[in-house]
Amino acid sequence: MRRLISILIAAMALSVLIASPVLAEERTCRGSIGAATVDNLRVPQGATCRLTETYVKGTIKVERGAILEARRVRVVGNVQAENHHSVLLRNSTVGGSVQLKQGGSAKVVGNRITGDLQFDADRRAIRAKDNRINGSLQAMSNTGGLAIITNRIDGNLQCKSNSPAPTGWGNIVQGNKEDQCRRL
């Protein structure tokens, strides 16, 4: 009887552990993080975050006025910035998409991006160079100048309502080159 009770208690404890949701922790970055593993990462308003060889098991979020400098990082999820000051993403791997909206400058150079690369209503200079993008590259309503150079894009290269119009060369696009990017 005691053995049966022990088995039932162990089974109930195991079911509680299995049924409990595991919440990913969010790490706030101010300063530098090296070769460490984190769940989700947030660069808070006005902060500067420098990542080198960091492994992010979730998503990186860059808030208003913040700066992200990421080199040789691996991100399982997305890199998302809105109203950011600047984003540098160099020689990194992103399992999701890179979405930079209504912010300042951006340099996205030498990366492997499983999803899309999106620039939407950014106000300063943007450079997308030597990236391998499994999805599409989309640039809409940017006003600081945009250079799109020697990227390999499995989806489409779509540019619309950018002023000035994007410049670039040497892009290999499996899908369509559309609108302002049809000659790039």
N, C-alpha and C. Protein backbone atom coordinates (compact mmCIF):
# COMPACT_ATOMS: atom_id res chain seq x y z
N MET A 1 0.82 -1.19 0.00
CA MET A 1 0.00 0.00 0.00
C MET A 1 0.86 1.26 0.00
N ARG A 2 1.93 1.25 0.84
CA ARG A 2 2.81 2.40 0.87
C ARG A 2 3.46 2.63 -0.48
N ARG A 3 3.81 1.56 -1.16
CA ARG A 3 4.44 1.67 -2.48
C ARG A 3 3.46 2.31 -3.46
N LEU A 4 2.21 1.93 -3.41
CA LEU A 4 1.18 2.49 -4.28
C LEU A 4 0.98 3.98 -4.00
N ILE A 5 0.98 4.36 -2.74
CA ILE A 5 0.84 5.77 -2.37
C ILE A 5 2.05 6.55 -2.86
N SER A 6 3.23 6.00 -2.71
CA SER A 6 4.45 6.67 -3.17
C SER A 6 4.42 6.87 -4.68
N ILE A 7 3.95 5.87 -5.41
CA ILE A 7 3.87 5.97 -6.87
C ILE A 7 2.86 7.05 -7.26
N LEU A 8 1.69 7.09 -6.58
CA LEU A 8 0.68 8.11 -6.87
C LEU A 8 1.20 9.52 -6.58
N ILE A 9 1.89 9.69 -5.48
CA ILE A 9 2.45 11.01 -5.13
C ILE A 9 3.48 11.42 -6.18
N ALA A 10 4.34 10.50 -6.58
CA ALA A 10 5.35 10.81 -7.59
C ALA A 10 4.69 11.17 -8.92
N ALA A 11 3.64 10.43 -9.29
CA ALA A 11 2.92 10.72 -10.53
C ALA A 11 2.27 12.09 -10.50
N MET A 12 1.66 12.45 -9.35
CA MET A 12 1.02 13.76 -9.23
C MET A 12 2.07 14.88 -9.29
N ALA A 13 3.20 14.69 -8.65
CA ALA A 13 4.26 15.71 -8.68
C ALA A 13 4.78 15.88 -10.11
N LEU A 14 4.95 14.78 -10.81
CA LEU A 14 5.41 14.84 -12.19
C LEU A 14 4.39 15.54 -13.08
N SER A 15 3.10 15.27 -12.87
CA SER A 15 2.08 15.92 -13.70
C SER A 15 2.05 17.43 -13.44
N VAL A 16 2.31 17.87 -12.23
CA VAL A 16 2.37 19.31 -11.94
C VAL A 16 3.56 19.93 -12.66
N LEU A 17 4.68 19.25 -12.64
CA LEU A 17 5.86 19.78 -13.33
C LEU A 17 5.64 19.85 -14.84
N ILE A 18 5.04 18.85 -15.41
CA ILE A 18 4.81 18.82 -16.84
C ILE A 18 3.76 19.86 -17.24
N ALA A 19 2.73 20.03 -16.47
CA ALA A 19 1.64 20.94 -16.81
C ALA A 19 2.01 22.40 -16.58
N SER A 20 3.01 22.67 -15.76
CA SER A 20 3.39 24.06 -15.48
C SER A 20 4.05 24.67 -16.70
N PRO A 21 3.59 25.84 -17.13
CA PRO A 21 4.23 26.48 -18.27
C PRO A 21 5.61 26.99 -17.88
N VAL A 22 6.54 26.90 -18.82
CA VAL A 22 7.88 27.41 -18.61
C VAL A 22 7.93 28.78 -19.26
N LEU A 23 8.19 29.80 -18.47
CA LEU A 23 8.24 31.16 -18.97
C LEU A 23 9.68 31.53 -19.27
N ALA A 24 9.89 32.09 -20.47
CA ALA A 24 11.22 32.54 -20.82
C ALA A 24 11.52 33.83 -20.07
N GLU A 25 12.72 33.94 -19.58
CA GLU A 25 13.11 35.14 -18.88
C GLU A 25 13.57 36.20 -19.87
N GLU A 26 13.33 37.44 -19.52
CA GLU A 26 13.77 38.54 -20.35
C GLU A 26 14.94 39.22 -19.65
N ARG A 27 16.03 39.34 -20.37
CA ARG A 27 17.19 40.03 -19.82
C ARG A 27 17.25 41.43 -20.40
N THR A 28 17.46 42.41 -19.54
CA THR A 28 17.63 43.79 -19.97
C THR A 28 19.11 44.03 -20.21
N CYS A 29 19.44 44.64 -21.34
CA CYS A 29 20.84 44.88 -21.69
C CYS A 29 21.14 46.37 -21.68
N ARG A 30 22.04 46.76 -20.79
CA ARG A 30 22.66 48.08 -20.76
C ARG A 30 24.15 47.80 -20.64
N GLY A 31 24.92 48.16 -21.64
CA GLY A 31 26.35 47.84 -21.61
C GLY A 31 26.66 46.71 -22.57
N SER A 32 27.45 45.74 -22.12
CA SER A 32 27.94 44.68 -23.01
C SER A 32 27.62 43.30 -22.46
N ILE A 33 27.36 42.39 -23.39
CA ILE A 33 27.21 40.96 -23.06
C ILE A 33 28.07 40.21 -24.07
N GLY A 34 28.91 39.34 -23.58
CA GLY A 34 29.79 38.55 -24.44
C GLY A 34 29.17 37.20 -24.74
N ALA A 35 30.02 36.18 -24.74
CA ALA A 35 29.63 34.82 -25.10
C ALA A 35 28.80 34.20 -23.98
N ALA A 36 27.54 34.60 -23.89
CA ALA A 36 26.62 34.09 -22.89
C ALA A 36 25.33 33.65 -23.59
N THR A 37 24.51 32.89 -22.88
CA THR A 37 23.22 32.47 -23.40
C THR A 37 22.13 33.16 -22.59
N VAL A 38 21.17 33.77 -23.30
CA VAL A 38 20.03 34.42 -22.66
C VAL A 38 18.76 33.96 -23.34
N ASP A 39 17.62 34.13 -22.67
CA ASP A 39 16.34 33.80 -23.28
C ASP A 39 15.96 34.95 -24.22
N ASN A 40 15.11 35.84 -23.80
CA ASN A 40 14.76 37.04 -24.57
C ASN A 40 15.63 38.19 -24.09
N LEU A 41 15.87 39.14 -24.98
CA LEU A 41 16.73 40.27 -24.64
C LEU A 41 16.02 41.56 -25.00
N ARG A 42 16.07 42.54 -24.09
CA ARG A 42 15.44 43.84 -24.32
C ARG A 42 16.47 44.93 -24.11
N VAL A 43 16.55 45.84 -25.09
CA VAL A 43 17.39 47.02 -24.95
C VAL A 43 16.43 48.16 -24.61
N PRO A 44 16.45 48.64 -23.35
CA PRO A 44 15.44 49.61 -22.93
C PRO A 44 15.65 50.99 -23.55
N GLN A 45 14.65 51.80 -23.42
CA GLN A 45 14.66 53.14 -23.97
C GLN A 45 15.94 53.89 -23.61
N GLY A 46 16.61 54.41 -24.65
CA GLY A 46 17.80 55.23 -24.47
C GLY A 46 19.08 54.50 -24.12
N ALA A 47 19.05 53.19 -23.97
CA ALA A 47 20.23 52.42 -23.56
C ALA A 47 21.06 52.01 -24.78
N THR A 48 22.30 51.63 -24.51
CA THR A 48 23.19 51.06 -25.52
C THR A 48 23.52 49.64 -25.10
N CYS A 49 23.39 48.71 -26.04
CA CYS A 49 23.69 47.30 -25.78
C CYS A 49 24.65 46.80 -26.85
N ARG A 50 25.77 46.23 -26.40
CA ARG A 50 26.75 45.64 -27.31
C ARG A 50 26.79 44.13 -27.04
N LEU A 51 26.50 43.37 -28.08
CA LEU A 51 26.51 41.91 -27.98
C LEU A 51 27.63 41.36 -28.86
N THR A 52 28.42 40.44 -28.32
CA THR A 52 29.46 39.78 -29.08
C THR A 52 29.40 38.30 -28.79
N GLU A 53 29.12 37.51 -29.82
CA GLU A 53 29.05 36.05 -29.71
C GLU A 53 28.03 35.60 -28.67
N THR A 54 26.94 36.33 -28.56
CA THR A 54 25.87 36.03 -27.61
C THR A 54 24.85 35.12 -28.28
N TYR A 55 24.31 34.18 -27.54
CA TYR A 55 23.26 33.28 -28.02
C TYR A 55 21.95 33.69 -27.36
N VAL A 56 20.97 34.10 -28.18
CA VAL A 56 19.67 34.54 -27.69
C VAL A 56 18.64 33.48 -28.09
N LYS A 57 18.09 32.78 -27.11
CA LYS A 57 17.15 31.69 -27.40
C LYS A 57 15.77 32.19 -27.80
N GLY A 58 15.53 33.48 -27.67
CA GLY A 58 14.24 34.06 -28.02
C GLY A 58 14.41 35.21 -28.99
N THR A 59 13.88 36.39 -28.61
CA THR A 59 13.83 37.56 -29.47
C THR A 59 14.60 38.72 -28.84
N ILE A 60 15.18 39.57 -29.69
CA ILE A 60 15.80 40.82 -29.24
C ILE A 60 14.83 41.95 -29.58
N LYS A 61 14.50 42.78 -28.57
CA LYS A 61 13.65 43.96 -28.78
C LYS A 61 14.43 45.20 -28.43
N VAL A 62 14.43 46.16 -29.36
CA VAL A 62 15.15 47.42 -29.17
C VAL A 62 14.11 48.53 -29.07
N GLU A 63 14.13 49.26 -27.96
CA GLU A 63 13.11 50.27 -27.69
C GLU A 63 13.53 51.67 -28.15
N ARG A 64 12.66 52.62 -27.95
CA ARG A 64 12.81 54.01 -28.39
C ARG A 64 14.17 54.59 -27.99
N GLY A 65 14.87 55.14 -28.98
CA GLY A 65 16.12 55.84 -28.72
C GLY A 65 17.28 54.94 -28.32
N ALA A 66 17.12 53.63 -28.38
CA ALA A 66 18.16 52.69 -27.95
C ALA A 66 19.10 52.34 -29.10
N ILE A 67 20.28 51.86 -28.73
CA ILE A 67 21.31 51.46 -29.69
C ILE A 67 21.63 49.99 -29.46
N LEU A 68 21.63 49.22 -30.54
CA LEU A 68 22.04 47.81 -30.50
C LEU A 68 23.23 47.64 -31.44
N GLU A 69 24.31 47.09 -30.91
CA GLU A 69 25.46 46.69 -31.72
C GLU A 69 25.67 45.21 -31.47
N ALA A 70 25.34 44.39 -32.46
CA ALA A 70 25.40 42.94 -32.30
C ALA A 70 26.35 42.35 -33.35
N ARG A 71 27.36 41.66 -32.87
CA ARG A 71 28.34 41.04 -33.75
C ARG A 71 28.47 39.55 -33.43
N ARG A 72 28.38 38.74 -34.46
CA ARG A 72 28.53 37.29 -34.33
C ARG A 72 27.58 36.72 -33.28
N VAL A 73 26.33 37.18 -33.30
CA VAL A 73 25.33 36.65 -32.38
C VAL A 73 24.47 35.61 -33.09
N ARG A 74 23.81 34.79 -32.30
CA ARG A 74 22.86 33.81 -32.83
C ARG A 74 21.54 34.05 -32.11
N VAL A 75 20.51 34.35 -32.90
CA VAL A 75 19.19 34.65 -32.36
C VAL A 75 18.21 33.61 -32.90
N VAL A 76 17.55 32.88 -32.03
CA VAL A 76 16.59 31.87 -32.46
C VAL A 76 15.33 32.54 -33.02
N GLY A 77 14.90 33.61 -32.39
CA GLY A 77 13.68 34.32 -32.79
C GLY A 77 13.96 35.48 -33.72
N ASN A 78 13.32 36.63 -33.43
CA ASN A 78 13.40 37.83 -34.27
C ASN A 78 14.29 38.89 -33.63
N VAL A 79 14.69 39.86 -34.45
CA VAL A 79 15.28 41.11 -33.98
C VAL A 79 14.28 42.19 -34.35
N GLN A 80 13.72 42.87 -33.35
CA GLN A 80 12.67 43.87 -33.58
C GLN A 80 13.08 45.19 -32.94
N ALA A 81 13.01 46.26 -33.74
CA ALA A 81 13.33 47.58 -33.21
C ALA A 81 12.26 48.55 -33.69
N GLU A 82 11.82 49.41 -32.78
CA GLU A 82 10.85 50.44 -33.13
C GLU A 82 11.27 51.74 -32.47
N ASN A 83 11.39 52.79 -33.27
CA ASN A 83 11.83 54.10 -32.79
C ASN A 83 13.25 54.05 -32.21
N HIS A 84 14.05 53.14 -32.69
CA HIS A 84 15.43 52.97 -32.24
C HIS A 84 16.32 54.13 -32.72
N HIS A 85 17.43 54.33 -32.05
CA HIS A 85 18.43 55.29 -32.52
C HIS A 85 19.24 54.66 -33.64
N SER A 86 19.82 53.47 -33.38
CA SER A 86 20.58 52.77 -34.41
C SER A 86 20.67 51.28 -34.08
N VAL A 87 20.80 50.50 -35.16
CA VAL A 87 20.97 49.06 -35.04
C VAL A 87 22.11 48.64 -35.96
N LEU A 88 23.07 47.91 -35.41
CA LEU A 88 24.12 47.28 -36.18
C LEU A 88 23.99 45.78 -35.93
N LEU A 89 23.81 45.02 -36.99
CA LEU A 89 23.75 43.57 -36.91
C LEU A 89 24.75 43.04 -37.93
N ARG A 90 25.84 42.43 -37.44
CA ARG A 90 26.93 42.04 -38.32
C ARG A 90 27.34 40.59 -38.08
N ASN A 91 27.48 39.85 -39.18
CA ASN A 91 28.00 38.47 -39.14
C ASN A 91 27.26 37.60 -38.14
N SER A 92 25.95 37.67 -38.16
CA SER A 92 25.11 36.97 -37.19
C SER A 92 24.11 36.06 -37.89
N THR A 93 23.43 35.24 -37.10
CA THR A 93 22.39 34.34 -37.60
C THR A 93 21.09 34.65 -36.86
N VAL A 94 20.02 34.85 -37.62
CA VAL A 94 18.71 35.14 -37.04
C VAL A 94 17.73 34.09 -37.55
N GLY A 95 17.12 33.34 -36.63
CA GLY A 95 16.20 32.28 -37.01
C GLY A 95 14.86 32.78 -37.47
N GLY A 96 14.49 34.00 -37.12
CA GLY A 96 13.23 34.61 -37.54
C GLY A 96 13.49 35.74 -38.51
N SER A 97 12.83 36.87 -38.28
CA SER A 97 12.95 38.04 -39.14
C SER A 97 13.66 39.17 -38.41
N VAL A 98 14.14 40.14 -39.20
CA VAL A 98 14.71 41.37 -38.67
C VAL A 98 13.76 42.48 -39.10
N GLN A 99 13.16 43.18 -38.12
CA GLN A 99 12.13 44.19 -38.38
C GLN A 99 12.53 45.48 -37.72
N LEU A 100 12.87 46.50 -38.53
CA LEU A 100 13.33 47.78 -38.03
C LEU A 100 12.34 48.84 -38.50
N LYS A 101 11.61 49.45 -37.55
CA LYS A 101 10.50 50.33 -37.90
C LYS A 101 10.60 51.69 -37.22
N GLN A 102 10.35 52.72 -37.99
CA GLN A 102 10.21 54.10 -37.50
C GLN A 102 11.37 54.54 -36.63
N GLY A 103 12.57 54.12 -37.01
CA GLY A 103 13.73 54.45 -36.20
C GLY A 103 14.77 55.24 -36.96
N GLY A 104 15.99 55.13 -36.46
CA GLY A 104 17.11 55.86 -37.03
C GLY A 104 17.88 55.01 -38.03
N SER A 105 19.19 54.94 -37.85
CA SER A 105 20.04 54.26 -38.82
C SER A 105 20.10 52.76 -38.56
N ALA A 106 20.57 52.06 -39.61
CA ALA A 106 20.74 50.61 -39.49
C ALA A 106 21.81 50.14 -40.46
N LYS A 107 22.65 49.21 -39.97
CA LYS A 107 23.60 48.49 -40.82
C LYS A 107 23.36 47.01 -40.55
N VAL A 108 22.95 46.31 -41.58
CA VAL A 108 22.69 44.88 -41.49
C VAL A 108 23.61 44.24 -42.51
N VAL A 109 24.73 43.66 -42.04
CA VAL A 109 25.82 43.27 -42.92
C VAL A 109 26.31 41.85 -42.60
N GLY A 110 26.34 41.00 -43.63
CA GLY A 110 26.96 39.68 -43.52
C GLY A 110 26.20 38.69 -42.66
N ASN A 111 24.88 38.76 -42.65
CA ASN A 111 24.08 37.90 -41.78
C ASN A 111 23.35 36.81 -42.55
N ARG A 112 22.91 35.79 -41.82
CA ARG A 112 21.99 34.76 -42.33
C ARG A 112 20.67 34.98 -41.61
N ILE A 113 19.63 35.28 -42.39
CA ILE A 113 18.32 35.59 -41.83
C ILE A 113 17.32 34.59 -42.41
N THR A 114 16.71 33.79 -41.55
CA THR A 114 15.76 32.76 -42.01
C THR A 114 14.47 33.39 -42.52
N GLY A 115 14.00 34.43 -41.88
CA GLY A 115 12.75 35.09 -42.27
C GLY A 115 13.00 36.26 -43.21
N ASP A 116 12.29 37.36 -42.97
CA ASP A 116 12.39 38.56 -43.80
C ASP A 116 13.30 39.60 -43.14
N LEU A 117 13.78 40.52 -43.98
CA LEU A 117 14.48 41.72 -43.52
C LEU A 117 13.60 42.89 -43.92
N GLN A 118 13.13 43.66 -42.91
CA GLN A 118 12.17 44.75 -43.17
C GLN A 118 12.67 46.07 -42.60
N PHE A 119 12.64 47.09 -43.44
CA PHE A 119 12.92 48.46 -43.03
C PHE A 119 11.66 49.26 -43.33
N ASP A 120 11.07 49.86 -42.30
CA ASP A 120 9.79 50.54 -42.49
C ASP A 120 9.82 51.91 -41.81
N ALA A 121 9.81 52.96 -42.62
CA ALA A 121 9.72 54.35 -42.14
C ALA A 121 10.89 54.74 -41.24
N ASP A 122 12.09 54.24 -41.56
CA ASP A 122 13.28 54.66 -40.82
C ASP A 122 13.77 55.99 -41.38
N ARG A 123 14.39 56.82 -40.53
CA ARG A 123 14.69 58.20 -40.89
C ARG A 123 16.16 58.48 -41.20
N ARG A 124 17.05 57.56 -40.96
CA ARG A 124 18.48 57.78 -41.23
C ARG A 124 19.01 56.73 -42.19
N ALA A 125 20.29 56.81 -42.49
CA ALA A 125 20.91 55.93 -43.48
C ALA A 125 20.79 54.46 -43.09
N ILE A 126 20.47 53.65 -44.10
CA ILE A 126 20.34 52.20 -43.93
C ILE A 126 21.23 51.51 -44.95
N ARG A 127 21.91 50.46 -44.49
CA ARG A 127 22.76 49.68 -45.38
C ARG A 127 22.46 48.20 -45.14
N ALA A 128 22.09 47.49 -46.21
CA ALA A 128 21.89 46.04 -46.17
C ALA A 128 22.88 45.45 -47.17
N LYS A 129 23.89 44.74 -46.66
CA LYS A 129 24.96 44.27 -47.53
C LYS A 129 25.38 42.85 -47.17
N ASP A 130 25.58 42.04 -48.20
CA ASP A 130 26.15 40.69 -48.05
C ASP A 130 25.35 39.78 -47.13
N ASN A 131 24.04 39.94 -47.11
CA ASN A 131 23.19 39.08 -46.28
C ASN A 131 22.65 37.92 -47.10
N ARG A 132 22.36 36.81 -46.42
CA ARG A 132 21.68 35.66 -47.00
C ARG A 132 20.31 35.63 -46.34
N ILE A 133 19.26 35.95 -47.13
CA ILE A 133 17.91 36.10 -46.60
C ILE A 133 17.02 35.02 -47.20
N ASN A 134 16.48 34.14 -46.37
CA ASN A 134 15.61 33.08 -46.88
C ASN A 134 14.24 33.62 -47.28
N GLY A 135 13.80 34.70 -46.67
CA GLY A 135 12.53 35.33 -47.00
C GLY A 135 12.72 36.46 -47.99
N SER A 136 12.02 37.57 -47.76
CA SER A 136 12.08 38.74 -48.63
C SER A 136 12.79 39.90 -47.93
N LEU A 137 13.28 40.84 -48.73
CA LEU A 137 13.77 42.12 -48.20
C LEU A 137 12.74 43.16 -48.61
N GLN A 138 12.20 43.87 -47.61
CA GLN A 138 11.16 44.87 -47.85
C GLN A 138 11.59 46.19 -47.25
N ALA A 139 11.55 47.24 -48.07
CA ALA A 139 11.92 48.59 -47.62
C ALA A 139 10.81 49.54 -48.04
N MET A 140 10.12 50.11 -47.06
CA MET A 140 8.97 50.97 -47.33
C MET A 140 9.08 52.28 -46.56
N SER A 141 8.92 53.39 -47.26
CA SER A 141 8.77 54.73 -46.67
C SER A 141 9.96 55.17 -45.82
N ASN A 142 11.17 54.79 -46.20
CA ASN A 142 12.36 55.23 -45.49
C ASN A 142 12.85 56.56 -46.08
N THR A 143 13.43 57.44 -45.25
CA THR A 143 13.77 58.78 -45.71
C THR A 143 15.24 59.16 -45.53
N GLY A 144 16.08 58.29 -45.05
CA GLY A 144 17.48 58.65 -44.79
C GLY A 144 18.46 58.14 -45.81
N GLY A 145 17.99 57.48 -46.85
CA GLY A 145 18.88 56.85 -47.83
C GLY A 145 19.05 55.38 -47.51
N LEU A 146 19.06 54.57 -48.55
CA LEU A 146 19.08 53.12 -48.39
C LEU A 146 19.97 52.50 -49.45
N ALA A 147 20.98 51.74 -49.02
CA ALA A 147 21.86 51.01 -49.93
C ALA A 147 21.63 49.52 -49.75
N ILE A 148 21.33 48.83 -50.85
CA ILE A 148 21.07 47.39 -50.84
C ILE A 148 22.09 46.76 -51.79
N ILE A 149 23.09 46.06 -51.22
CA ILE A 149 24.26 45.66 -51.98
C ILE A 149 24.58 44.18 -51.76
N THR A 150 24.73 43.45 -52.84
CA THR A 150 25.21 42.06 -52.88
C THR A 150 24.56 41.14 -51.86
N ASN A 151 23.25 41.19 -51.75
CA ASN A 151 22.50 40.28 -50.89
C ASN A 151 21.99 39.11 -51.73
N ARG A 152 21.82 37.96 -51.09
CA ARG A 152 21.18 36.82 -51.74
C ARG A 152 19.83 36.65 -51.06
N ILE A 153 18.75 36.80 -51.85
CA ILE A 153 17.39 36.84 -51.31
C ILE A 153 16.56 35.74 -51.97
N ASP A 154 16.06 34.81 -51.18
CA ASP A 154 15.25 33.72 -51.73
C ASP A 154 13.85 34.19 -52.10
N GLY A 155 13.33 35.18 -51.42
CA GLY A 155 12.00 35.72 -51.70
C GLY A 155 12.08 36.88 -52.66
N ASN A 156 11.34 37.95 -52.35
CA ASN A 156 11.29 39.14 -53.20
C ASN A 156 12.12 40.28 -52.63
N LEU A 157 12.50 41.19 -53.50
CA LEU A 157 13.12 42.45 -53.12
C LEU A 157 12.10 43.54 -53.44
N GLN A 158 11.49 44.10 -52.39
CA GLN A 158 10.36 45.02 -52.56
C GLN A 158 10.69 46.36 -51.93
N CYS A 159 10.61 47.43 -52.73
CA CYS A 159 10.90 48.77 -52.24
C CYS A 159 9.83 49.72 -52.75
N LYS A 160 9.27 50.49 -51.84
CA LYS A 160 8.19 51.40 -52.22
C LYS A 160 8.22 52.64 -51.33
N SER A 161 8.00 53.81 -51.93
CA SER A 161 7.82 55.09 -51.23
C SER A 161 9.04 55.50 -50.42
N ASN A 162 10.24 55.08 -50.80
CA ASN A 162 11.46 55.52 -50.13
C ASN A 162 11.93 56.81 -50.79
N SER A 163 12.39 57.77 -49.99
CA SER A 163 12.88 59.03 -50.53
C SER A 163 14.14 59.44 -49.78
N PRO A 164 15.29 59.39 -50.46
CA PRO A 164 15.50 59.10 -51.87
C PRO A 164 15.32 57.60 -52.16
N ALA A 165 15.22 57.29 -53.45
CA ALA A 165 15.08 55.90 -53.88
C ALA A 165 16.32 55.10 -53.48
N PRO A 166 16.17 53.83 -53.18
CA PRO A 166 17.31 52.99 -52.81
C PRO A 166 18.34 52.88 -53.93
N THR A 167 19.59 52.70 -53.52
CA THR A 167 20.68 52.44 -54.46
C THR A 167 21.23 51.06 -54.15
N GLY A 168 22.03 50.53 -55.07
CA GLY A 168 22.67 49.25 -54.82
C GLY A 168 22.98 48.50 -56.10
N TRP A 169 23.53 47.30 -55.92
CA TRP A 169 23.92 46.46 -57.05
C TRP A 169 24.22 45.05 -56.55
N GLY A 170 24.30 44.12 -57.48
CA GLY A 170 24.78 42.78 -57.21
C GLY A 170 23.90 41.91 -56.35
N ASN A 171 22.62 42.22 -56.24
CA ASN A 171 21.72 41.40 -55.44
C ASN A 171 21.21 40.24 -56.29
N ILE A 172 21.21 39.06 -55.71
CA ILE A 172 20.67 37.86 -56.37
C ILE A 172 19.33 37.57 -55.72
N VAL A 173 18.26 37.66 -56.50
CA VAL A 173 16.90 37.55 -55.98
C VAL A 173 16.19 36.41 -56.70
N GLN A 174 15.73 35.43 -55.93
CA GLN A 174 15.02 34.29 -56.51
C GLN A 174 13.59 34.66 -56.89
N GLY A 175 12.99 35.56 -56.16
CA GLY A 175 11.63 36.01 -56.45
C GLY A 175 11.66 37.19 -57.41
N ASN A 176 10.88 38.21 -57.11
CA ASN A 176 10.78 39.39 -57.97
C ASN A 176 11.51 40.58 -57.36
N LYS A 177 12.07 41.41 -58.24
CA LYS A 177 12.57 42.74 -57.84
C LYS A 177 11.46 43.71 -58.22
N GLU A 178 10.95 44.44 -57.22
CA GLU A 178 9.75 45.22 -57.45
C GLU A 178 9.95 46.70 -57.18
N ASP A 179 9.15 47.51 -57.89
CA ASP A 179 9.05 48.96 -57.70
C ASP A 179 10.43 49.61 -57.71
N GLN A 180 10.78 50.35 -56.68
CA GLN A 180 12.03 51.10 -56.65
C GLN A 180 13.27 50.20 -56.69
N CYS A 181 13.13 48.93 -56.42
CA CYS A 181 14.28 48.01 -56.39
C CYS A 181 14.37 47.11 -57.63
N ARG A 182 13.59 47.39 -58.64
CA ARG A 182 13.57 46.49 -59.80
C ARG A 182 14.90 46.42 -60.54
N ARG A 183 15.76 47.44 -60.37
CA ARG A 183 17.05 47.45 -61.08
C ARG A 183 18.24 47.12 -60.18
N LEU A 184 17.96 46.79 -58.94
CA LEU A 184 19.05 46.53 -58.01
C LEU A 184 19.44 45.05 -58.00
